[in-house]
Each structure stands twice: as C-alpha cells, then as structure tokens.
All heavy atoms as atom14 arrays in JSON, in Angstrom:
{
  "sequence": "SIKILNKDLKGHSLCIIKGIELAIEEGCEMINLSLGTTSLDYLNNIKK",
  "atom14_mask": [
    [1, 1, 1, 1, 1, 1, 0, 0, 0, 0, 0, 0, 0, 0],
    [1, 1, 1, 1, 1, 1, 1, 1, 0, 0, 0, 0, 0, 0],
    [1, 1, 1, 1, 1, 1, 1, 1, 1, 0, 0, 0, 0, 0],
    [1, 1, 1, 1, 1, 1, 1, 1, 0, 0, 0, 0, 0, 0],
    [1, 1, 1, 1, 1, 1, 1, 1, 0, 0, 0, 0, 0, 0],
    [1, 1, 1, 1, 1, 1, 1, 1, 0, 0, 0, 0, 0, 0],
    [1, 1, 1, 1, 1, 1, 1, 1, 1, 0, 0, 0, 0, 0],
    [1, 1, 1, 1, 1, 1, 1, 1, 0, 0, 0, 0, 0, 0],
    [1, 1, 1, 1, 1, 1, 1, 1, 0, 0, 0, 0, 0, 0],
    [1, 1, 1, 1, 1, 1, 1, 1, 1, 0, 0, 0, 0, 0],
    [1, 1, 1, 1, 0, 0, 0, 0, 0, 0, 0, 0, 0, 0],
    [1, 1, 1, 1, 1, 1, 1, 1, 1, 1, 0, 0, 0, 0],
    [1, 1, 1, 1, 1, 1, 0, 0, 0, 0, 0, 0, 0, 0],
    [1, 1, 1, 1, 1, 1, 1, 1, 0, 0, 0, 0, 0, 0],
    [1, 1, 1, 1, 1, 1, 0, 0, 0, 0, 0, 0, 0, 0],
    [1, 1, 1, 1, 1, 1, 1, 1, 0, 0, 0, 0, 0, 0],
    [1, 1, 1, 1, 1, 1, 1, 1, 0, 0, 0, 0, 0, 0],
    [1, 1, 1, 1, 1, 1, 1, 1, 1, 0, 0, 0, 0, 0],
    [1, 1, 1, 1, 0, 0, 0, 0, 0, 0, 0, 0, 0, 0],
    [1, 1, 1, 1, 1, 1, 1, 1, 0, 0, 0, 0, 0, 0],
    [1, 1, 1, 1, 1, 1, 1, 1, 1, 0, 0, 0, 0, 0],
    [1, 1, 1, 1, 1, 1, 1, 1, 0, 0, 0, 0, 0, 0],
    [1, 1, 1, 1, 1, 0, 0, 0, 0, 0, 0, 0, 0, 0],
    [1, 1, 1, 1, 1, 1, 1, 1, 0, 0, 0, 0, 0, 0],
    [1, 1, 1, 1, 1, 1, 1, 1, 1, 0, 0, 0, 0, 0],
    [1, 1, 1, 1, 1, 1, 1, 1, 1, 0, 0, 0, 0, 0],
    [1, 1, 1, 1, 0, 0, 0, 0, 0, 0, 0, 0, 0, 0],
    [1, 1, 1, 1, 1, 1, 0, 0, 0, 0, 0, 0, 0, 0],
    [1, 1, 1, 1, 1, 1, 1, 1, 1, 0, 0, 0, 0, 0],
    [1, 1, 1, 1, 1, 1, 1, 1, 0, 0, 0, 0, 0, 0],
    [1, 1, 1, 1, 1, 1, 1, 1, 0, 0, 0, 0, 0, 0],
    [1, 1, 1, 1, 1, 1, 1, 1, 0, 0, 0, 0, 0, 0],
    [1, 1, 1, 1, 1, 1, 1, 1, 0, 0, 0, 0, 0, 0],
    [1, 1, 1, 1, 1, 1, 0, 0, 0, 0, 0, 0, 0, 0],
    [1, 1, 1, 1, 1, 1, 1, 1, 0, 0, 0, 0, 0, 0],
    [1, 1, 1, 1, 0, 0, 0, 0, 0, 0, 0, 0, 0, 0],
    [1, 1, 1, 1, 1, 1, 1, 0, 0, 0, 0, 0, 0, 0],
    [1, 1, 1, 1, 1, 1, 1, 0, 0, 0, 0, 0, 0, 0],
    [1, 1, 1, 1, 1, 1, 0, 0, 0, 0, 0, 0, 0, 0],
    [1, 1, 1, 1, 1, 1, 1, 1, 0, 0, 0, 0, 0, 0],
    [1, 1, 1, 1, 1, 1, 1, 1, 0, 0, 0, 0, 0, 0],
    [1, 1, 1, 1, 1, 1, 1, 1, 1, 1, 1, 1, 0, 0],
    [1, 1, 1, 1, 1, 1, 1, 1, 0, 0, 0, 0, 0, 0],
    [1, 1, 1, 1, 1, 1, 1, 1, 0, 0, 0, 0, 0, 0],
    [1, 1, 1, 1, 1, 1, 1, 1, 0, 0, 0, 0, 0, 0],
    [1, 1, 1, 1, 1, 1, 1, 1, 0, 0, 0, 0, 0, 0],
    [1, 1, 1, 1, 1, 1, 1, 1, 1, 0, 0, 0, 0, 0],
    [1, 1, 1, 1, 1, 1, 1, 1, 1, 0, 0, 0, 0, 0]
  ],
  "atom14_positions": [
    [[127.67, -11.24, -117.45], [126.93, -10.04, -117.04], [127.12, -9.8, -115.55], [126.76, -10.63, -114.72], [125.44, -10.23, -117.35], [124.68, -9.19, -116.77], [0.0, 0.0, 0.0], [0.0, 0.0, 0.0], [0.0, 0.0, 0.0], [0.0, 0.0, 0.0], [0.0, 0.0, 0.0], [0.0, 0.0, 0.0], [0.0, 0.0, 0.0], [0.0, 0.0, 0.0]],
    [[127.66, -8.63, -115.22], [127.84, -8.23, -113.82], [126.95, -7.02, -113.59], [127.22, -5.92, -114.08], [129.31, -7.9, -113.52], [130.2, -9.09, -113.86], [129.47, -7.5, -112.05], [131.69, -8.82, -113.73], [0.0, 0.0, 0.0], [0.0, 0.0, 0.0], [0.0, 0.0, 0.0], [0.0, 0.0, 0.0], [0.0, 0.0, 0.0], [0.0, 0.0, 0.0]],
    [[125.87, -7.24, -112.87], [124.88, -6.18, -112.66], [125.26, -5.35, -111.44], [125.31, -5.86, -110.32], [123.49, -6.79, -112.47], [122.39, -5.76, -112.21], [121.04, -6.45, -112.07], [119.96, -5.43, -111.74], [118.62, -6.07, -111.62], [0.0, 0.0, 0.0], [0.0, 0.0, 0.0], [0.0, 0.0, 0.0], [0.0, 0.0, 0.0], [0.0, 0.0, 0.0]],
    [[125.49, -4.04, -111.66], [125.8, -3.15, -110.53], [124.88, -1.93, -110.52], [124.92, -1.13, -109.58], [127.27, -2.69, -110.55], [127.56, -1.8, -111.76], [128.21, -3.88, -110.48], [128.92, -1.1, -111.69], [0.0, 0.0, 0.0], [0.0, 0.0, 0.0], [0.0, 0.0, 0.0], [0.0, 0.0, 0.0], [0.0, 0.0, 0.0], [0.0, 0.0, 0.0]],
    [[124.04, -1.76, -111.56], [123.15, -0.61, -111.65], [121.7, -1.05, -111.42], [121.29, -2.11, -111.88], [123.26, 0.05, -113.03], [124.64, 0.57, -113.44], [124.58, 1.17, -114.85], [125.16, 1.6, -112.45], [0.0, 0.0, 0.0], [0.0, 0.0, 0.0], [0.0, 0.0, 0.0], [0.0, 0.0, 0.0], [0.0, 0.0, 0.0], [0.0, 0.0, 0.0]],
    [[120.93, -0.19, -110.75], [119.52, -0.51, -110.52], [118.66, -0.02, -111.68], [119.17, 0.4, -112.73], [119.05, 0.08, -109.19], [119.13, 1.62, -109.16], [119.21, 2.26, -110.21], [119.11, 2.18, -107.97], [0.0, 0.0, 0.0], [0.0, 0.0, 0.0], [0.0, 0.0, 0.0], [0.0, 0.0, 0.0], [0.0, 0.0, 0.0], [0.0, 0.0, 0.0]],
    [[117.36, -0.06, -111.52], [116.45, 0.31, -112.61], [116.58, 1.78, -113.01], [116.18, 2.17, -114.1], [115.0, 0.0, -112.22], [114.5, 0.77, -111.0], [113.08, 0.37, -110.67], [112.58, 1.13, -109.43], [111.19, 0.75, -109.08], [0.0, 0.0, 0.0], [0.0, 0.0, 0.0], [0.0, 0.0, 0.0], [0.0, 0.0, 0.0], [0.0, 0.0, 0.0]],
    [[117.13, 2.61, -112.11], [117.35, 4.02, -112.41], [118.78, 4.29, -112.88], [119.2, 5.44, -112.99], [117.06, 4.88, -111.16], [115.63, 4.72, -110.68], [114.72, 4.76, -111.53], [115.43, 4.53, -109.46], [0.0, 0.0, 0.0], [0.0, 0.0, 0.0], [0.0, 0.0, 0.0], [0.0, 0.0, 0.0], [0.0, 0.0, 0.0], [0.0, 0.0, 0.0]],
    [[119.51, 3.22, -113.16], [120.91, 3.28, -113.59], [121.79, 3.96, -112.54], [122.72, 4.7, -112.87], [121.04, 3.98, -114.95], [120.37, 3.29, -116.12], [120.65, 4.03, -117.43], [120.83, 1.83, -116.24], [0.0, 0.0, 0.0], [0.0, 0.0, 0.0], [0.0, 0.0, 0.0], [0.0, 0.0, 0.0], [0.0, 0.0, 0.0], [0.0, 0.0, 0.0]],
    [[121.49, 3.7, -111.29], [122.3, 4.21, -110.19], [123.07, 3.06, -109.55], [122.59, 1.92, -109.5], [121.41, 4.88, -109.12], [120.58, 6.04, -109.63], [121.43, 7.21, -110.06], [120.56, 8.39, -110.49], [121.39, 9.52, -110.97], [0.0, 0.0, 0.0], [0.0, 0.0, 0.0], [0.0, 0.0, 0.0], [0.0, 0.0, 0.0], [0.0, 0.0, 0.0]],
    [[124.27, 3.38, -109.07], [125.09, 2.37, -108.43], [126.14, 3.04, -107.55], [126.04, 4.22, -107.26], [0.0, 0.0, 0.0], [0.0, 0.0, 0.0], [0.0, 0.0, 0.0], [0.0, 0.0, 0.0], [0.0, 0.0, 0.0], [0.0, 0.0, 0.0], [0.0, 0.0, 0.0], [0.0, 0.0, 0.0], [0.0, 0.0, 0.0], [0.0, 0.0, 0.0]],
    [[127.14, 2.29, -107.16], [128.19, 2.81, -106.27], [129.56, 2.52, -106.86], [129.77, 1.48, -107.48], [128.07, 2.16, -104.89], [128.81, 2.88, -103.81], [130.18, 2.78, -103.66], [128.38, 3.72, -102.83], [130.56, 3.52, -102.63], [129.5, 4.1, -102.11], [0.0, 0.0, 0.0], [0.0, 0.0, 0.0], [0.0, 0.0, 0.0], [0.0, 0.0, 0.0]],
    [[130.48, 3.44, -106.66], [131.85, 3.29, -107.19], [132.5, 1.99, -106.73], [133.26, 1.36, -107.48], [132.72, 4.47, -106.76], [132.22, 5.68, -107.27], [0.0, 0.0, 0.0], [0.0, 0.0, 0.0], [0.0, 0.0, 0.0], [0.0, 0.0, 0.0], [0.0, 0.0, 0.0], [0.0, 0.0, 0.0], [0.0, 0.0, 0.0], [0.0, 0.0, 0.0]],
    [[132.23, 1.6, -105.49], [132.83, 0.37, -104.97], [132.39, -0.85, -105.78], [133.13, -1.82, -105.91], [132.45, 0.18, -103.5], [133.17, 1.09, -102.5], [132.6, 0.9, -101.1], [134.67, 0.8, -102.49], [0.0, 0.0, 0.0], [0.0, 0.0, 0.0], [0.0, 0.0, 0.0], [0.0, 0.0, 0.0], [0.0, 0.0, 0.0], [0.0, 0.0, 0.0]],
    [[131.18, -0.78, -106.34], [130.68, -1.91, -107.14], [131.39, -1.98, -108.48], [131.52, -3.07, -109.06], [129.18, -1.79, -107.32], [128.26, -2.06, -105.79], [0.0, 0.0, 0.0], [0.0, 0.0, 0.0], [0.0, 0.0, 0.0], [0.0, 0.0, 0.0], [0.0, 0.0, 0.0], [0.0, 0.0, 0.0], [0.0, 0.0, 0.0], [0.0, 0.0, 0.0]],
    [[131.85, -0.85, -108.99], [132.66, -0.87, -110.21], [133.95, -1.64, -109.93], [134.36, -2.5, -110.71], [133.01, 0.56, -110.68], [131.75, 1.33, -111.07], [134.0, 0.53, -111.85], [132.01, 2.79, -111.46], [0.0, 0.0, 0.0], [0.0, 0.0, 0.0], [0.0, 0.0, 0.0], [0.0, 0.0, 0.0], [0.0, 0.0, 0.0], [0.0, 0.0, 0.0]],
    [[134.55, -1.33, -108.8], [135.81, -1.99, -108.41], [135.6, -3.5, -108.24], [136.35, -4.31, -108.79], [136.36, -1.36, -107.11], [136.72, 0.11, -107.35], [137.56, -2.14, -106.6], [136.91, 0.91, -106.07], [0.0, 0.0, 0.0], [0.0, 0.0, 0.0], [0.0, 0.0, 0.0], [0.0, 0.0, 0.0], [0.0, 0.0, 0.0], [0.0, 0.0, 0.0]],
    [[134.57, -3.86, -107.49], [134.29, -5.28, -107.26], [133.91, -5.98, -108.57], [134.29, -7.14, -108.79], [133.17, -5.44, -106.23], [132.77, -6.88, -105.94], [133.94, -7.75, -105.5], [134.42, -7.43, -104.12], [135.44, -8.39, -103.63], [0.0, 0.0, 0.0], [0.0, 0.0, 0.0], [0.0, 0.0, 0.0], [0.0, 0.0, 0.0], [0.0, 0.0, 0.0]],
    [[133.22, -5.28, -109.44], [132.85, -5.85, -110.73], [134.07, -6.18, -111.57], [134.14, -7.25, -112.21], [0.0, 0.0, 0.0], [0.0, 0.0, 0.0], [0.0, 0.0, 0.0], [0.0, 0.0, 0.0], [0.0, 0.0, 0.0], [0.0, 0.0, 0.0], [0.0, 0.0, 0.0], [0.0, 0.0, 0.0], [0.0, 0.0, 0.0], [0.0, 0.0, 0.0]],
    [[135.03, -5.28, -111.57], [136.27, -5.53, -112.32], [137.04, -6.69, -111.7], [137.59, -7.54, -112.41], [137.13, -4.25, -112.37], [136.41, -3.16, -113.18], [138.51, -4.54, -112.99], [137.05, -1.79, -113.1], [0.0, 0.0, 0.0], [0.0, 0.0, 0.0], [0.0, 0.0, 0.0], [0.0, 0.0, 0.0], [0.0, 0.0, 0.0], [0.0, 0.0, 0.0]],
    [[137.07, -6.75, -110.37], [137.75, -7.86, -109.7], [137.12, -9.2, -110.08], [137.82, -10.18, -110.34], [137.68, -7.67, -108.18], [138.56, -6.54, -107.66], [138.4, -6.29, -106.18], [137.46, -6.86, -105.57], [139.19, -5.52, -105.61], [0.0, 0.0, 0.0], [0.0, 0.0, 0.0], [0.0, 0.0, 0.0], [0.0, 0.0, 0.0], [0.0, 0.0, 0.0]],
    [[135.79, -9.23, -110.15], [135.1, -10.47, -110.53], [135.41, -10.84, -111.98], [135.59, -12.01, -112.3], [133.59, -10.3, -110.35], [133.04, -10.53, -108.95], [131.54, -10.26, -108.93], [133.31, -11.94, -108.48], [0.0, 0.0, 0.0], [0.0, 0.0, 0.0], [0.0, 0.0, 0.0], [0.0, 0.0, 0.0], [0.0, 0.0, 0.0], [0.0, 0.0, 0.0]],
    [[135.46, -9.83, -112.85], [135.78, -10.09, -114.26], [137.17, -10.7, -114.38], [137.4, -11.6, -115.19], [135.69, -8.79, -115.06], [0.0, 0.0, 0.0], [0.0, 0.0, 0.0], [0.0, 0.0, 0.0], [0.0, 0.0, 0.0], [0.0, 0.0, 0.0], [0.0, 0.0, 0.0], [0.0, 0.0, 0.0], [0.0, 0.0, 0.0], [0.0, 0.0, 0.0]],
    [[138.1, -10.21, -113.57], [139.46, -10.76, -113.57], [139.43, -12.21, -113.11], [140.03, -13.09, -113.73], [140.39, -9.92, -112.68], [140.54, -8.5, -113.23], [141.76, -10.59, -112.54], [141.21, -7.53, -112.27], [0.0, 0.0, 0.0], [0.0, 0.0, 0.0], [0.0, 0.0, 0.0], [0.0, 0.0, 0.0], [0.0, 0.0, 0.0], [0.0, 0.0, 0.0]],
    [[138.72, -12.46, -112.0], [138.62, -13.82, -111.46], [138.0, -14.8, -112.46], [138.37, -15.97, -112.51], [137.78, -13.81, -110.18], [138.45, -13.12, -109.0], [137.52, -12.97, -107.82], [136.44, -13.63, -107.81], [137.84, -12.19, -106.9], [0.0, 0.0, 0.0], [0.0, 0.0, 0.0], [0.0, 0.0, 0.0], [0.0, 0.0, 0.0], [0.0, 0.0, 0.0]],
    [[137.07, -14.3, -113.26], [136.38, -15.13, -114.25], [137.21, -15.36, -115.51], [136.8, -16.1, -116.4], [135.05, -14.48, -114.64], [133.98, -14.59, -113.58], [133.44, -16.0, -113.44], [133.33, -16.72, -114.46], [133.13, -16.41, -112.31], [0.0, 0.0, 0.0], [0.0, 0.0, 0.0], [0.0, 0.0, 0.0], [0.0, 0.0, 0.0], [0.0, 0.0, 0.0]],
    [[138.36, -14.71, -115.59], [139.22, -14.88, -116.76], [138.78, -14.09, -117.97], [139.1, -14.47, -119.11], [0.0, 0.0, 0.0], [0.0, 0.0, 0.0], [0.0, 0.0, 0.0], [0.0, 0.0, 0.0], [0.0, 0.0, 0.0], [0.0, 0.0, 0.0], [0.0, 0.0, 0.0], [0.0, 0.0, 0.0], [0.0, 0.0, 0.0], [0.0, 0.0, 0.0]],
    [[138.06, -13.02, -117.75], [137.61, -12.18, -118.86], [138.8, -11.48, -119.5], [139.72, -11.04, -118.81], [136.58, -11.16, -118.39], [135.04, -11.9, -117.83], [0.0, 0.0, 0.0], [0.0, 0.0, 0.0], [0.0, 0.0, 0.0], [0.0, 0.0, 0.0], [0.0, 0.0, 0.0], [0.0, 0.0, 0.0], [0.0, 0.0, 0.0], [0.0, 0.0, 0.0]],
    [[138.74, -11.38, -120.82], [139.82, -10.73, -121.57], [139.49, -9.29, -121.94], [140.38, -8.51, -122.27], [140.1, -11.53, -122.84], [140.56, -12.95, -122.56], [140.25, -13.89, -123.7], [139.14, -14.46, -123.72], [141.1, -14.03, -124.59], [0.0, 0.0, 0.0], [0.0, 0.0, 0.0], [0.0, 0.0, 0.0], [0.0, 0.0, 0.0], [0.0, 0.0, 0.0]],
    [[138.2, -8.97, -121.88], [137.76, -7.6, -122.16], [136.65, -7.22, -121.19], [135.87, -8.08, -120.77], [137.25, -7.47, -123.6], [138.31, -7.7, -124.64], [137.81, -7.04, -126.26], [137.73, -5.3, -125.9], [0.0, 0.0, 0.0], [0.0, 0.0, 0.0], [0.0, 0.0, 0.0], [0.0, 0.0, 0.0], [0.0, 0.0, 0.0], [0.0, 0.0, 0.0]],
    [[136.59, -5.92, -120.87], [135.55, -5.42, -119.98], [134.84, -4.25, -120.64], [135.48, -3.28, -121.04], [136.12, -5.0, -118.61], [136.77, -6.2, -117.91], [135.03, -4.39, -117.74], [137.45, -5.86, -116.59], [0.0, 0.0, 0.0], [0.0, 0.0, 0.0], [0.0, 0.0, 0.0], [0.0, 0.0, 0.0], [0.0, 0.0, 0.0], [0.0, 0.0, 0.0]],
    [[133.52, -4.38, -120.77], [132.67, -3.32, -121.32], [132.07, -2.53, -120.15], [131.25, -3.04, -119.4], [131.56, -3.95, -122.17], [130.72, -2.93, -122.9], [130.69, -2.89, -124.13], [129.99, -2.08, -122.17], [0.0, 0.0, 0.0], [0.0, 0.0, 0.0], [0.0, 0.0, 0.0], [0.0, 0.0, 0.0], [0.0, 0.0, 0.0], [0.0, 0.0, 0.0]],
    [[132.51, -1.28, -120.0], [131.99, -0.41, -118.96], [131.26, 0.77, -119.61], [131.87, 1.81, -119.88], [133.12, 0.1, -118.07], [133.61, -0.81, -116.94], [134.92, -0.29, -116.38], [132.56, -0.89, -115.82], [0.0, 0.0, 0.0], [0.0, 0.0, 0.0], [0.0, 0.0, 0.0], [0.0, 0.0, 0.0], [0.0, 0.0, 0.0], [0.0, 0.0, 0.0]],
    [[130.0, 0.6, -119.88], [129.22, 1.7, -120.47], [128.7, 2.59, -119.35], [127.52, 2.95, -119.28], [128.06, 1.13, -121.29], [128.54, 0.48, -122.45], [0.0, 0.0, 0.0], [0.0, 0.0, 0.0], [0.0, 0.0, 0.0], [0.0, 0.0, 0.0], [0.0, 0.0, 0.0], [0.0, 0.0, 0.0], [0.0, 0.0, 0.0], [0.0, 0.0, 0.0]],
    [[129.62, 2.97, -118.49], [129.31, 3.75, -117.29], [130.6, 4.3, -116.72], [131.7, 4.04, -117.23], [128.59, 2.88, -116.26], [129.23, 1.53, -115.89], [130.36, 1.69, -114.88], [128.19, 0.57, -115.34], [0.0, 0.0, 0.0], [0.0, 0.0, 0.0], [0.0, 0.0, 0.0], [0.0, 0.0, 0.0], [0.0, 0.0, 0.0], [0.0, 0.0, 0.0]],
    [[130.48, 5.05, -115.65], [131.65, 5.6, -114.96], [131.18, 6.39, -113.76], [129.98, 6.47, -113.47], [0.0, 0.0, 0.0], [0.0, 0.0, 0.0], [0.0, 0.0, 0.0], [0.0, 0.0, 0.0], [0.0, 0.0, 0.0], [0.0, 0.0, 0.0], [0.0, 0.0, 0.0], [0.0, 0.0, 0.0], [0.0, 0.0, 0.0], [0.0, 0.0, 0.0]],
    [[132.12, 6.96, -113.04], [131.79, 7.77, -111.87], [132.55, 9.09, -111.92], [133.71, 9.13, -112.33], [132.11, 7.03, -110.57], [131.81, 7.88, -109.45], [133.58, 6.63, -110.49], [0.0, 0.0, 0.0], [0.0, 0.0, 0.0], [0.0, 0.0, 0.0], [0.0, 0.0, 0.0], [0.0, 0.0, 0.0], [0.0, 0.0, 0.0], [0.0, 0.0, 0.0]],
    [[131.89, 10.16, -111.5], [132.56, 11.47, -111.4], [133.09, 11.69, -109.98], [133.77, 12.67, -109.72], [131.58, 12.61, -111.76], [130.42, 12.52, -110.92], [131.16, 12.52, -113.23], [0.0, 0.0, 0.0], [0.0, 0.0, 0.0], [0.0, 0.0, 0.0], [0.0, 0.0, 0.0], [0.0, 0.0, 0.0], [0.0, 0.0, 0.0], [0.0, 0.0, 0.0]],
    [[132.76, 10.78, -109.07], [133.23, 10.88, -107.69], [134.72, 10.54, -107.61], [135.2, 9.64, -108.29], [132.44, 9.94, -106.79], [133.01, 9.87, -105.5], [0.0, 0.0, 0.0], [0.0, 0.0, 0.0], [0.0, 0.0, 0.0], [0.0, 0.0, 0.0], [0.0, 0.0, 0.0], [0.0, 0.0, 0.0], [0.0, 0.0, 0.0], [0.0, 0.0, 0.0]],
    [[135.43, 11.26, -106.76], [136.85, 11.0, -106.55], [137.1, 10.17, -105.27], [138.25, 9.89, -104.94], [137.62, 12.32, -106.45], [137.53, 13.26, -107.66], [138.34, 14.53, -107.41], [138.01, 12.56, -108.92], [0.0, 0.0, 0.0], [0.0, 0.0, 0.0], [0.0, 0.0, 0.0], [0.0, 0.0, 0.0], [0.0, 0.0, 0.0], [0.0, 0.0, 0.0]],
    [[136.03, 9.81, -104.59], [136.16, 9.15, -103.28], [136.99, 7.88, -103.33], [137.75, 7.59, -102.41], [134.77, 8.84, -102.7], [134.02, 10.09, -102.3], [134.65, 11.17, -102.24], [132.8, 9.98, -102.03], [0.0, 0.0, 0.0], [0.0, 0.0, 0.0], [0.0, 0.0, 0.0], [0.0, 0.0, 0.0], [0.0, 0.0, 0.0], [0.0, 0.0, 0.0]],
    [[136.82, 7.1, -104.39], [137.52, 5.81, -104.47], [138.42, 5.74, -105.7], [138.71, 4.65, -106.2], [136.49, 4.67, -104.51], [135.62, 4.64, -103.28], [134.38, 5.26, -103.28], [136.05, 4.03, -102.1], [133.58, 5.25, -102.14], [135.27, 4.02, -100.97], [134.03, 4.64, -100.99], [133.24, 4.63, -99.86], [0.0, 0.0, 0.0], [0.0, 0.0, 0.0]],
    [[138.88, 6.91, -106.14], [139.68, 6.96, -107.36], [140.95, 6.14, -107.26], [141.32, 5.41, -108.2], [140.02, 8.41, -107.73], [140.83, 8.59, -109.02], [140.15, 7.93, -110.21], [141.06, 10.08, -109.29], [0.0, 0.0, 0.0], [0.0, 0.0, 0.0], [0.0, 0.0, 0.0], [0.0, 0.0, 0.0], [0.0, 0.0, 0.0], [0.0, 0.0, 0.0]],
    [[141.65, 6.21, -106.14], [142.88, 5.42, -105.98], [142.61, 3.93, -106.07], [143.4, 3.17, -106.65], [143.57, 5.76, -104.65], [144.25, 7.11, -104.68], [144.61, 7.61, -105.75], [144.42, 7.71, -103.52], [0.0, 0.0, 0.0], [0.0, 0.0, 0.0], [0.0, 0.0, 0.0], [0.0, 0.0, 0.0], [0.0, 0.0, 0.0], [0.0, 0.0, 0.0]],
    [[141.48, 3.5, -105.5], [141.11, 2.09, -105.58], [140.77, 1.68, -107.01], [141.11, 0.57, -107.44], [139.9, 1.82, -104.67], [140.17, 2.22, -103.23], [140.11, 3.4, -102.9], [140.45, 1.26, -102.37], [0.0, 0.0, 0.0], [0.0, 0.0, 0.0], [0.0, 0.0, 0.0], [0.0, 0.0, 0.0], [0.0, 0.0, 0.0], [0.0, 0.0, 0.0]],
    [[140.1, 2.58, -107.73], [139.77, 2.31, -109.13], [141.05, 2.18, -109.94], [141.21, 1.27, -110.75], [138.86, 3.41, -109.7], [137.47, 3.33, -109.07], [138.75, 3.3, -111.22], [136.54, 4.46, -109.45], [0.0, 0.0, 0.0], [0.0, 0.0, 0.0], [0.0, 0.0, 0.0], [0.0, 0.0, 0.0], [0.0, 0.0, 0.0], [0.0, 0.0, 0.0]],
    [[141.98, 3.1, -109.71], [143.26, 3.05, -110.42], [143.99, 1.74, -110.17], [144.54, 1.14, -111.09], [144.15, 4.23, -109.99], [143.73, 5.57, -110.56], [144.67, 6.67, -110.06], [144.32, 8.02, -110.67], [145.19, 9.1, -110.15], [0.0, 0.0, 0.0], [0.0, 0.0, 0.0], [0.0, 0.0, 0.0], [0.0, 0.0, 0.0], [0.0, 0.0, 0.0]],
    [[144.0, 1.3, -108.92], [144.71, 0.06, -108.57], [144.13, -1.14, -109.29], [144.86, -1.97, -109.84], [144.67, -0.15, -107.05], [145.59, 0.77, -106.27], [145.46, 0.51, -104.77], [146.35, 1.47, -103.97], [146.18, 1.26, -102.51], [0.0, 0.0, 0.0], [0.0, 0.0, 0.0], [0.0, 0.0, 0.0], [0.0, 0.0, 0.0], [0.0, 0.0, 0.0]]
  ]
}
C-alpha cells in the first residue's frame, strides 16, 4: 500500500511518479492506480 491521497482523495502528480518508483524498487509486478491526474505539468515525467 502506497498512500498518496488524503482524506479528501486529493494528492499531487509528483506523488504518483514517486509511488510508481517505489513500486518498482519493491519488485511489484502489477500496479493498481484507481486514480489519475488531468494536469499536464508533469506529464513527461509520468511518461518516463
């Protein structure tokens, strides 16, 4: 469990990126992202 959302289900795009990085480091084979961002600010970083 990688918690990036608060009680109002709000978070930051950078935390999505860091969350995926942590999942990779932990050796996870699948990632469940029941969320997303409409912001384009960090889209290139998300793609990478």
